[in-house]
Amino acid sequence: MKFLLEVTMDDGALTQNPEGELGRILRYWGGNLKHYALRPGDGSEIYDSEYREVGSWRIEGQAG
């Protein structure tokens, strides 16, 4: 299995403070993973601090 995280960094809050904003996104979504089974097909959109969609994460592949 693979955990894939994709974040577009060329718009909004990520252009103003890329290190701080990406760190916030990683902390928030990392902590939020406990709400998912983390099986292939699981995933979610990712939002920045301005509540703009900036990417997504997903689980791909086969379990086990």
PDB file of N, CA and C in Angstrom:
ATOM      1  N   MET A   1       0.843  -1.182   0.000  1.00  0.00           N
ATOM      2  CA  MET A   1       0.000   0.000   0.000  1.00  0.00           C
ATOM      3  C   MET A   1       0.881   1.235   0.000  1.00  0.00           C
ATOM      4  N   LYS A   2       0.299   2.333  -0.472  1.00  0.00           N
ATOM      5  CA  LYS A   2       0.980   3.622  -0.466  1.00  0.00           C
ATOM      6  C   LYS A   2       0.063   4.680   0.129  1.00  0.00           C
ATOM      7  N   PHE A   3       0.652   5.566   0.915  1.00  0.00           N
ATOM      8  CA  PHE A   3      -0.030   6.762   1.392  1.00  0.00           C
ATOM      9  C   PHE A   3       0.480   7.892   0.522  1.00  0.00           C
ATOM     10  N   LEU A   4      -0.425   8.545  -0.205  1.00  0.00           N
ATOM     11  CA  LEU A   4      -0.046   9.622  -1.116  1.00  0.00           C
ATOM     12  C   LEU A   4      -0.672  10.929  -0.655  1.00  0.00           C
ATOM     13  N   LEU A   5       0.155  11.957  -0.582  1.00  0.00           N
ATOM     14  CA  LEU A   5      -0.275  13.294  -0.169  1.00  0.00           C
ATOM     15  C   LEU A   5       0.163  14.265  -1.247  1.00  0.00           C
ATOM     16  N   GLU A   6      -0.784  15.029  -1.755  1.00  0.00           N
ATOM     17  CA  GLU A   6      -0.470  15.999  -2.796  1.00  0.00           C
ATOM     18  C   GLU A   6      -1.028  17.351  -2.382  1.00  0.00           C
ATOM     19  N   VAL A   7      -0.154  18.354  -2.352  1.00  0.00           N
ATOM     20  CA  VAL A   7      -0.546  19.715  -1.956  1.00  0.00           C
ATOM     21  C   VAL A   7      -0.016  20.684  -3.005  1.00  0.00           C
ATOM     22  N   THR A   8      -0.886  21.505  -3.551  1.00  0.00           N
ATOM     23  CA  THR A   8      -0.498  22.551  -4.486  1.00  0.00           C
ATOM     24  C   THR A   8      -0.055  23.765  -3.677  1.00  0.00           C
ATOM     25  N   MET A   9       1.169  24.233  -3.926  1.00  0.00           N
ATOM     26  CA  MET A   9       1.750  25.290  -3.095  1.00  0.00           C
ATOM     27  C   MET A   9       1.859  26.627  -3.816  1.00  0.00           C
ATOM     28  N   ASP A  10       1.165  26.811  -4.916  1.00  0.00           N
ATOM     29  CA  ASP A  10       1.330  28.046  -5.686  1.00  0.00           C
ATOM     30  C   ASP A  10       0.119  28.974  -5.630  1.00  0.00           C
ATOM     31  N   ASP A  11      -0.650  28.897  -4.528  1.00  0.00           N
ATOM     32  CA  ASP A  11      -1.831  29.747  -4.403  1.00  0.00           C
ATOM     33  C   ASP A  11      -2.143  29.984  -2.935  1.00  0.00           C
ATOM     34  N   GLY A  12      -2.789  31.090  -2.647  1.00  0.00           N
ATOM     35  CA  GLY A  12      -3.324  31.370  -1.315  1.00  0.00           C
ATOM     36  C   GLY A  12      -2.292  31.401  -0.213  1.00  0.00           C
ATOM     37  N   ALA A  13      -2.676  30.852   0.933  1.00  0.00           N
ATOM     38  CA  ALA A  13      -1.859  30.892   2.139  1.00  0.00           C
ATOM     39  C   ALA A  13      -0.507  30.210   1.950  1.00  0.00           C
ATOM     40  N   LEU A  14      -0.420  29.238   1.077  1.00  0.00           N
ATOM     41  CA  LEU A  14       0.843  28.536   0.857  1.00  0.00           C
ATOM     42  C   LEU A  14       1.879  29.398   0.157  1.00  0.00           C
ATOM     43  N   THR A  15       1.475  30.423  -0.557  1.00  0.00           N
ATOM     44  CA  THR A  15       2.452  31.323  -1.176  1.00  0.00           C
ATOM     45  C   THR A  15       2.945  32.364  -0.175  1.00  0.00           C
ATOM     46  N   GLN A  16       2.131  32.704   0.797  1.00  0.00           N
ATOM     47  CA  GLN A  16       2.494  33.727   1.787  1.00  0.00           C
ATOM     48  C   GLN A  16       3.435  33.188   2.854  1.00  0.00           C
ATOM     49  N   ASN A  17       3.234  31.947   3.285  1.00  0.00           N
ATOM     50  CA  ASN A  17       4.037  31.339   4.340  1.00  0.00           C
ATOM     51  C   ASN A  17       4.107  29.836   4.085  1.00  0.00           C
ATOM     52  N   PRO A  18       4.884  29.417   3.083  1.00  0.00           N
ATOM     53  CA  PRO A  18       4.857  28.004   2.704  1.00  0.00           C
ATOM     54  C   PRO A  18       5.281  27.053   3.823  1.00  0.00           C
ATOM     55  N   GLU A  19       6.325  27.388   4.574  1.00  0.00           N
ATOM     56  CA  GLU A  19       6.787  26.487   5.640  1.00  0.00           C
ATOM     57  C   GLU A  19       5.746  26.368   6.745  1.00  0.00           C
ATOM     58  N   GLY A  20       5.219  27.491   7.194  1.00  0.00           N
ATOM     59  CA  GLY A  20       4.226  27.480   8.264  1.00  0.00           C
ATOM     60  C   GLY A  20       2.936  26.814   7.848  1.00  0.00           C
ATOM     61  N   GLU A  21       2.485  27.097   6.648  1.00  0.00           N
ATOM     62  CA  GLU A  21       1.211  26.547   6.173  1.00  0.00           C
ATOM     63  C   GLU A  21       1.316  25.048   5.898  1.00  0.00           C
ATOM     64  N   LEU A  22       2.406  24.619   5.276  1.00  0.00           N
ATOM     65  CA  LEU A  22       2.569  23.197   5.030  1.00  0.00           C
ATOM     66  C   LEU A  22       2.721  22.445   6.354  1.00  0.00           C
ATOM     67  N   GLY A  23       3.425  23.021   7.312  1.00  0.00           N
ATOM     68  CA  GLY A  23       3.534  22.405   8.633  1.00  0.00           C
ATOM     69  C   GLY A  23       2.181  22.261   9.302  1.00  0.00           C
ATOM     70  N   ARG A  24       1.341  23.280   9.192  1.00  0.00           N
ATOM     71  CA  ARG A  24      -0.003  23.232   9.773  1.00  0.00           C
ATOM     72  C   ARG A  24      -0.827  22.141   9.108  1.00  0.00           C
ATOM     73  N   ILE A  25      -0.756  22.069   7.785  1.00  0.00           N
ATOM     74  CA  ILE A  25      -1.497  21.045   7.050  1.00  0.00           C
ATOM     75  C   ILE A  25      -1.052  19.655   7.483  1.00  0.00           C
ATOM     76  N   LEU A  26       0.244  19.422   7.576  1.00  0.00           N
ATOM     77  CA  LEU A  26       0.750  18.099   7.970  1.00  0.00           C
ATOM     78  C   LEU A  26       0.341  17.740   9.391  1.00  0.00           C
ATOM     79  N   ARG A  27       0.401  18.694  10.313  1.00  0.00           N
ATOM     80  CA  ARG A  27      -0.023  18.418  11.693  1.00  0.00           C
ATOM     81  C   ARG A  27      -1.512  18.119  11.758  1.00  0.00           C
ATOM     82  N   TYR A  28      -2.321  18.939  11.120  1.00  0.00           N
ATOM     83  CA  TYR A  28      -3.777  18.770  11.181  1.00  0.00           C
ATOM     84  C   TYR A  28      -4.190  17.436  10.557  1.00  0.00           C
ATOM     85  N   TRP A  29      -3.748  17.192   9.316  1.00  0.00           N
ATOM     86  CA  TRP A  29      -4.192  15.989   8.624  1.00  0.00           C
ATOM     87  C   TRP A  29      -3.539  14.746   9.191  1.00  0.00           C
ATOM     88  N   GLY A  30      -2.315  14.861   9.709  1.00  0.00           N
ATOM     89  CA  GLY A  30      -1.690  13.728  10.391  1.00  0.00           C
ATOM     90  C   GLY A  30      -2.498  13.313  11.612  1.00  0.00           C
ATOM     91  N   GLY A  31      -2.953  14.283  12.383  1.00  0.00           N
ATOM     92  CA  GLY A  31      -3.775  13.998  13.554  1.00  0.00           C
ATOM     93  C   GLY A  31      -5.159  13.498  13.207  1.00  0.00           C
ATOM     94  N   ASN A  32      -5.639  13.854  12.039  1.00  0.00           N
ATOM     95  CA  ASN A  32      -6.981  13.477  11.599  1.00  0.00           C
ATOM     96  C   ASN A  32      -7.048  12.048  11.062  1.00  0.00           C
ATOM     97  N   LEU A  33      -5.893  11.438  10.780  1.00  0.00           N
ATOM     98  CA  LEU A  33      -5.878  10.099  10.189  1.00  0.00           C
ATOM     99  C   LEU A  33      -6.504   9.048  11.086  1.00  0.00           C
ATOM    100  N   LYS A  34      -6.566   9.290  12.385  1.00  0.00           N
ATOM    101  CA  LYS A  34      -7.152   8.308  13.310  1.00  0.00           C
ATOM    102  C   LYS A  34      -8.630   8.057  13.023  1.00  0.00           C
ATOM    103  N   HIS A  35      -9.252   8.927  12.241  1.00  0.00           N
ATOM    104  CA  HIS A  35     -10.668   8.778  11.914  1.00  0.00           C
ATOM    105  C   HIS A  35     -10.898   7.912  10.672  1.00  0.00           C
ATOM    106  N   TYR A  36      -9.824   7.385  10.099  1.00  0.00           N
ATOM    107  CA  TYR A  36      -9.912   6.583   8.882  1.00  0.00           C
ATOM    108  C   TYR A  36      -9.352   5.185   9.137  1.00  0.00           C
ATOM    109  N   ALA A  37      -9.844   4.211   8.417  1.00  0.00           N
ATOM    110  CA  ALA A  37      -9.351   2.837   8.535  1.00  0.00           C
ATOM    111  C   ALA A  37      -8.002   2.663   7.837  1.00  0.00           C
ATOM    112  N   LEU A  38      -7.660   3.592   6.973  1.00  0.00           N
ATOM    113  CA  LEU A  38      -6.419   3.550   6.185  1.00  0.00           C
ATOM    114  C   LEU A  38      -6.331   2.285   5.337  1.00  0.00           C
ATOM    115  N   ARG A  39      -7.396   2.080   4.583  1.00  0.00           N
ATOM    116  CA  ARG A  39      -7.471   0.992   3.619  1.00  0.00           C
ATOM    117  C   ARG A  39      -7.439   1.577   2.216  1.00  0.00           C
ATOM    118  N   PRO A  40      -7.040   0.795   1.218  1.00  0.00           N
ATOM    119  CA  PRO A  40      -7.065   1.291  -0.152  1.00  0.00           C
ATOM    120  C   PRO A  40      -8.418   1.909  -0.485  1.00  0.00           C
ATOM    121  N   GLY A  41      -8.361   3.076  -1.086  1.00  0.00           N
ATOM    122  CA  GLY A  41      -9.576   3.813  -1.428  1.00  0.00           C
ATOM    123  C   GLY A  41      -9.897   4.921  -0.446  1.00  0.00           C
ATOM    124  N   ASP A  42      -9.384   4.835   0.790  1.00  0.00           N
ATOM    125  CA  ASP A  42      -9.598   5.919   1.752  1.00  0.00           C
ATOM    126  C   ASP A  42      -8.853   7.163   1.287  1.00  0.00           C
ATOM    127  N   GLY A  43      -9.356   8.321   1.651  1.00  0.00           N
ATOM    128  CA  GLY A  43      -8.705   9.578   1.309  1.00  0.00           C
ATOM    129  C   GLY A  43      -9.597  10.751   1.648  1.00  0.00           C
ATOM    130  N   SER A  44      -9.069  11.936   1.431  1.00  0.00           N
ATOM    131  CA  SER A  44      -9.820  13.150   1.723  1.00  0.00           C
ATOM    132  C   SER A  44      -9.172  14.337   1.023  1.00  0.00           C
ATOM    133  N   GLU A  45      -9.956  15.366   0.801  1.00  0.00           N
ATOM    134  CA  GLU A  45      -9.421  16.615   0.310  1.00  0.00           C
ATOM    135  C   GLU A  45      -8.645  17.283   1.446  1.00  0.00           C
ATOM    136  N   ILE A  46      -7.699  18.142   1.092  1.00  0.00           N
ATOM    137  CA  ILE A  46      -6.902  18.888   2.070  1.00  0.00           C
ATOM    138  C   ILE A  46      -7.182  20.365   1.865  1.00  0.00           C
ATOM    139  N   TYR A  47      -7.373  21.073   2.975  1.00  0.00           N
ATOM    140  CA  TYR A  47      -7.680  22.498   2.939  1.00  0.00           C
ATOM    141  C   TYR A  47      -6.608  23.286   3.678  1.00  0.00           C
ATOM    142  N   ASP A  48      -6.345  24.512   3.218  1.00  0.00           N
ATOM    143  CA  ASP A  48      -5.388  25.372   3.909  1.00  0.00           C
ATOM    144  C   ASP A  48      -6.101  26.158   5.012  1.00  0.00           C
ATOM    145  N   SER A  49      -5.384  27.052   5.670  1.00  0.00           N
ATOM    146  CA  SER A  49      -5.961  27.804   6.783  1.00  0.00           C
ATOM    147  C   SER A  49      -7.025  28.800   6.339  1.00  0.00           C
ATOM    148  N   GLU A  50      -7.110  29.059   5.041  1.00  0.00           N
ATOM    149  CA  GLU A  50      -8.162  29.921   4.489  1.00  0.00           C
ATOM    150  C   GLU A  50      -9.344  29.091   3.992  1.00  0.00           C
ATOM    151  N   TYR A  51      -9.356  27.798   4.323  1.00  0.00           N
ATOM    152  CA  TYR A  51     -10.406  26.844   3.941  1.00  0.00           C
ATOM    153  C   TYR A  51     -10.528  26.687   2.429  1.00  0.00           C
ATOM    154  N   ARG A  52      -9.406  26.815   1.739  1.00  0.00           N
ATOM    155  CA  ARG A  52      -9.365  26.554   0.302  1.00  0.00           C
ATOM    156  C   ARG A  52      -8.824  25.147   0.085  1.00  0.00           C
ATOM    157  N   GLU A  53      -9.426  24.434  -0.841  1.00  0.00           N
ATOM    158  CA  GLU A  53      -8.924  23.100  -1.163  1.00  0.00           C
ATOM    159  C   GLU A  53      -7.575  23.246  -1.867  1.00  0.00           C
ATOM    160  N   VAL A  54      -6.550  22.608  -1.330  1.00  0.00           N
ATOM    161  CA  VAL A  54      -5.201  22.717  -1.890  1.00  0.00           C
ATOM    162  C   VAL A  54      -4.605  21.362  -2.263  1.00  0.00           C
ATOM    163  N   GLY A  55      -5.340  20.298  -2.063  1.00  0.00           N
ATOM    164  CA  GLY A  55      -4.809  18.989  -2.401  1.00  0.00           C
ATOM    165  C   GLY A  55      -5.650  17.873  -1.833  1.00  0.00           C
ATOM    166  N   SER A  56      -5.009  16.715  -1.707  1.00  0.00           N
ATOM    167  CA  SER A  56      -5.708  15.553  -1.182  1.00  0.00           C
ATOM    168  C   SER A  56      -4.694  14.525  -0.699  1.00  0.00           C
ATOM    169  N   TRP A  57      -5.196  13.569   0.067  1.00  0.00           N
ATOM    170  CA  TRP A  57      -4.413  12.395   0.421  1.00  0.00           C
ATOM    171  C   TRP A  57      -5.261  11.184   0.077  1.00  0.00           C
ATOM    172  N   ARG A  58      -4.580  10.054  -0.131  1.00  0.00           N
ATOM    173  CA  ARG A  58      -5.304   8.820  -0.450  1.00  0.00           C
ATOM    174  C   ARG A  58      -4.415   7.615  -0.172  1.00  0.00           C
ATOM    175  N   ILE A  59      -5.058   6.487   0.006  1.00  0.00           N
ATOM    176  CA  ILE A  59      -4.386   5.211   0.173  1.00  0.00           C
ATOM    177  C   ILE A  59      -4.599   4.424  -1.112  1.00  0.00           C
ATOM    178  N   GLU A  60      -3.496   3.945  -1.691  1.00  0.00           N
ATOM    179  CA  GLU A  60      -3.561   3.144  -2.915  1.00  0.00           C
ATOM    180  C   GLU A  60      -2.898   1.803  -2.703  1.00  0.00           C
ATOM    181  N   GLY A  61      -3.266   0.850  -3.518  1.00  0.00           N
ATOM    182  CA  GLY A  61      -2.639  -0.459  -3.473  1.00  0.00           C
ATOM    183  C   GLY A  61      -3.509  -1.477  -2.786  1.00  0.00           C
ATOM    184  N   GLN A  62      -2.883  -2.560  -2.387  1.00  0.00           N
ATOM    185  CA  GLN A  62      -3.604  -3.650  -1.751  1.00  0.00           C
ATOM    186  C   GLN A  62      -3.168  -3.796  -0.309  1.00  0.00           C
ATOM    187  N   ALA A  63      -4.119  -4.021   0.548  1.00  0.00           N
ATOM    188  CA  ALA A  63      -3.813  -4.240   1.974  1.00  0.00           C
ATOM    189  C   ALA A  63      -3.110  -5.581   2.130  1.00  0.00           C
ATOM    190  N   GLY A  64      -2.242  -5.638   3.132  1.00  0.00           N
ATOM    191  CA  GLY A  64      -1.610  -6.891   3.483  1.00  0.00           C
ATOM    192  C   GLY A  64      -0.369  -7.081   2.753  1.00  0.00           C
TER     193      GLY A  64
END
